[in-house]
Amino acid sequence: MTLTYLLTAERQGHEAERWMFTLLWDDKSFTDVFTSQAPDPERLRQLVHLVRALLEEWWDTKEHNRRSAKMGRRLP
């Protein structure tokens, strides 16, 4: 499973930055959430929490970690 996000980062006094973030998801424990038409709300909440944590980690480390840098690219 590959999750791809288009993000816009806005900071006061700076031009907005557009990014594409790609997360390769190989954790099979959430297959039920991805394949269900109506996933269990608690399982979905857990998945969203994990993805958000990984996104924040990427944002904080993208300039210093090659592995993180490969997960995203700045768009024009």
C-alpha atoms as a PDB file:
ATOM      1  CA  MET A   1       0.000   0.000   0.000  1.00  0.00           C
ATOM      2  CA  THR A   2       1.279   3.441  -0.887  1.00  0.00           C
ATOM      3  CA  LEU A   3      -0.243   6.542   0.672  1.00  0.00           C
ATOM      4  CA  THR A   4       0.385   9.805  -1.161  1.00  0.00           C
ATOM      5  CA  TYR A   5      -0.458  13.229   0.218  1.00  0.00           C
ATOM      6  CA  LEU A   6      -0.348  16.665  -1.378  1.00  0.00           C
ATOM      7  CA  LEU A   7       0.425  19.216   1.315  1.00  0.00           C
ATOM      8  CA  THR A   8       0.583  22.975   1.510  1.00  0.00           C
ATOM      9  CA  ALA A   9       2.636  24.489   4.322  1.00  0.00           C
ATOM     10  CA  GLU A  10       1.806  28.101   5.101  1.00  0.00           C
ATOM     11  CA  ARG A  11       3.720  30.344   7.459  1.00  0.00           C
ATOM     12  CA  GLN A  12       3.009  33.967   8.159  1.00  0.00           C
ATOM     13  CA  GLY A  13       5.368  36.174   6.219  1.00  0.00           C
ATOM     14  CA  HIS A  14       6.513  33.359   3.887  1.00  0.00           C
ATOM     15  CA  GLU A  15       5.349  32.068   0.548  1.00  0.00           C
ATOM     16  CA  ALA A  16       3.337  28.835   0.773  1.00  0.00           C
ATOM     17  CA  GLU A  17       5.261  25.610   0.113  1.00  0.00           C
ATOM     18  CA  ARG A  18       3.640  22.714  -1.755  1.00  0.00           C
ATOM     19  CA  TRP A  19       4.877  19.185  -1.069  1.00  0.00           C
ATOM     20  CA  MET A  20       4.117  15.635  -2.165  1.00  0.00           C
ATOM     21  CA  PHE A  21       4.643  13.102   0.630  1.00  0.00           C
ATOM     22  CA  THR A  22       4.670   9.376  -0.135  1.00  0.00           C
ATOM     23  CA  LEU A  23       4.440   6.784   2.614  1.00  0.00           C
ATOM     24  CA  LEU A  24       5.032   3.146   1.704  1.00  0.00           C
ATOM     25  CA  TRP A  25       2.777   1.216   4.048  1.00  0.00           C
ATOM     26  CA  ASP A  26       3.839  -2.401   4.412  1.00  0.00           C
ATOM     27  CA  ASP A  27       2.265  -3.000   7.831  1.00  0.00           C
ATOM     28  CA  LYS A  28      -0.309  -5.742   7.197  1.00  0.00           C
ATOM     29  CA  SER A  29      -2.000  -5.195  10.568  1.00  0.00           C
ATOM     30  CA  PHE A  30      -4.159  -2.412   9.088  1.00  0.00           C
ATOM     31  CA  THR A  31      -5.309  -4.311   5.993  1.00  0.00           C
ATOM     32  CA  ASP A  32      -8.829  -4.441   7.431  1.00  0.00           C
ATOM     33  CA  VAL A  33      -8.967  -0.641   7.603  1.00  0.00           C
ATOM     34  CA  PHE A  34      -7.805  -0.230   4.005  1.00  0.00           C
ATOM     35  CA  THR A  35     -10.113  -2.881   2.558  1.00  0.00           C
ATOM     36  CA  SER A  36     -13.308  -2.264   4.522  1.00  0.00           C
ATOM     37  CA  GLN A  37     -16.034  -0.002   3.164  1.00  0.00           C
ATOM     38  CA  ALA A  38     -16.858   0.914   6.766  1.00  0.00           C
ATOM     39  CA  PRO A  39     -13.765   0.364   8.941  1.00  0.00           C
ATOM     40  CA  ASP A  40     -14.024   0.185  12.690  1.00  0.00           C
ATOM     41  CA  PRO A  41     -13.817   3.815  13.918  1.00  0.00           C
ATOM     42  CA  GLU A  42     -11.234   2.997  16.589  1.00  0.00           C
ATOM     43  CA  ARG A  43      -8.972   1.168  14.119  1.00  0.00           C
ATOM     44  CA  LEU A  44      -9.292   4.073  11.682  1.00  0.00           C
ATOM     45  CA  ARG A  45      -8.410   6.519  14.456  1.00  0.00           C
ATOM     46  CA  GLN A  46      -5.284   4.465  15.255  1.00  0.00           C
ATOM     47  CA  LEU A  47      -4.214   4.459  11.613  1.00  0.00           C
ATOM     48  CA  VAL A  48      -4.749   8.212  11.270  1.00  0.00           C
ATOM     49  CA  HIS A  49      -2.726   8.784  14.448  1.00  0.00           C
ATOM     50  CA  LEU A  50       0.182   6.684  13.115  1.00  0.00           C
ATOM     51  CA  VAL A  51       0.159   8.359   9.705  1.00  0.00           C
ATOM     52  CA  ARG A  52       0.089  11.798  11.297  1.00  0.00           C
ATOM     53  CA  ALA A  53       3.035  10.900  13.559  1.00  0.00           C
ATOM     54  CA  LEU A  54       5.025   9.637  10.558  1.00  0.00           C
ATOM     55  CA  LEU A  55       4.163  12.776   8.595  1.00  0.00           C
ATOM     56  CA  GLU A  56       5.332  15.005  11.454  1.00  0.00           C
ATOM     57  CA  GLU A  57       8.542  12.975  11.788  1.00  0.00           C
ATOM     58  CA  TRP A  58       9.178  13.354   8.053  1.00  0.00           C
ATOM     59  CA  TRP A  59       8.598  17.112   8.206  1.00  0.00           C
ATOM     60  CA  ASP A  60      10.993  17.503  11.130  1.00  0.00           C
ATOM     61  CA  THR A  61      13.762  15.329   9.627  1.00  0.00           C
ATOM     62  CA  LYS A  62      13.475  15.822   5.852  1.00  0.00           C
ATOM     63  CA  GLU A  63      16.390  18.258   5.727  1.00  0.00           C
ATOM     64  CA  HIS A  64      18.756  16.113   7.812  1.00  0.00           C
ATOM     65  CA  ASN A  65      17.911  12.494   7.023  1.00  0.00           C
ATOM     66  CA  ARG A  66      18.313  11.008   3.540  1.00  0.00           C
ATOM     67  CA  ARG A  67      15.666   8.352   4.123  1.00  0.00           C
ATOM     68  CA  SER A  68      13.155  10.991   5.176  1.00  0.00           C
ATOM     69  CA  ALA A  69      14.151  13.259   2.311  1.00  0.00           C
ATOM     70  CA  LYS A  70      13.240  10.538  -0.206  1.00  0.00           C
ATOM     71  CA  MET A  71       9.680  10.386   1.149  1.00  0.00           C
ATOM     72  CA  GLY A  72       8.786  13.876  -0.003  1.00  0.00           C
ATOM     73  CA  ARG A  73       9.494  16.380  -2.674  1.00  0.00           C
ATOM     74  CA  ARG A  74       8.763  20.046  -2.951  1.00  0.00           C
ATOM     75  CA  LEU A  75       6.464  21.005  -5.793  1.00  0.00           C
ATOM     76  CA  PRO A  76       6.723  24.180  -7.864  1.00  0.00           C
END
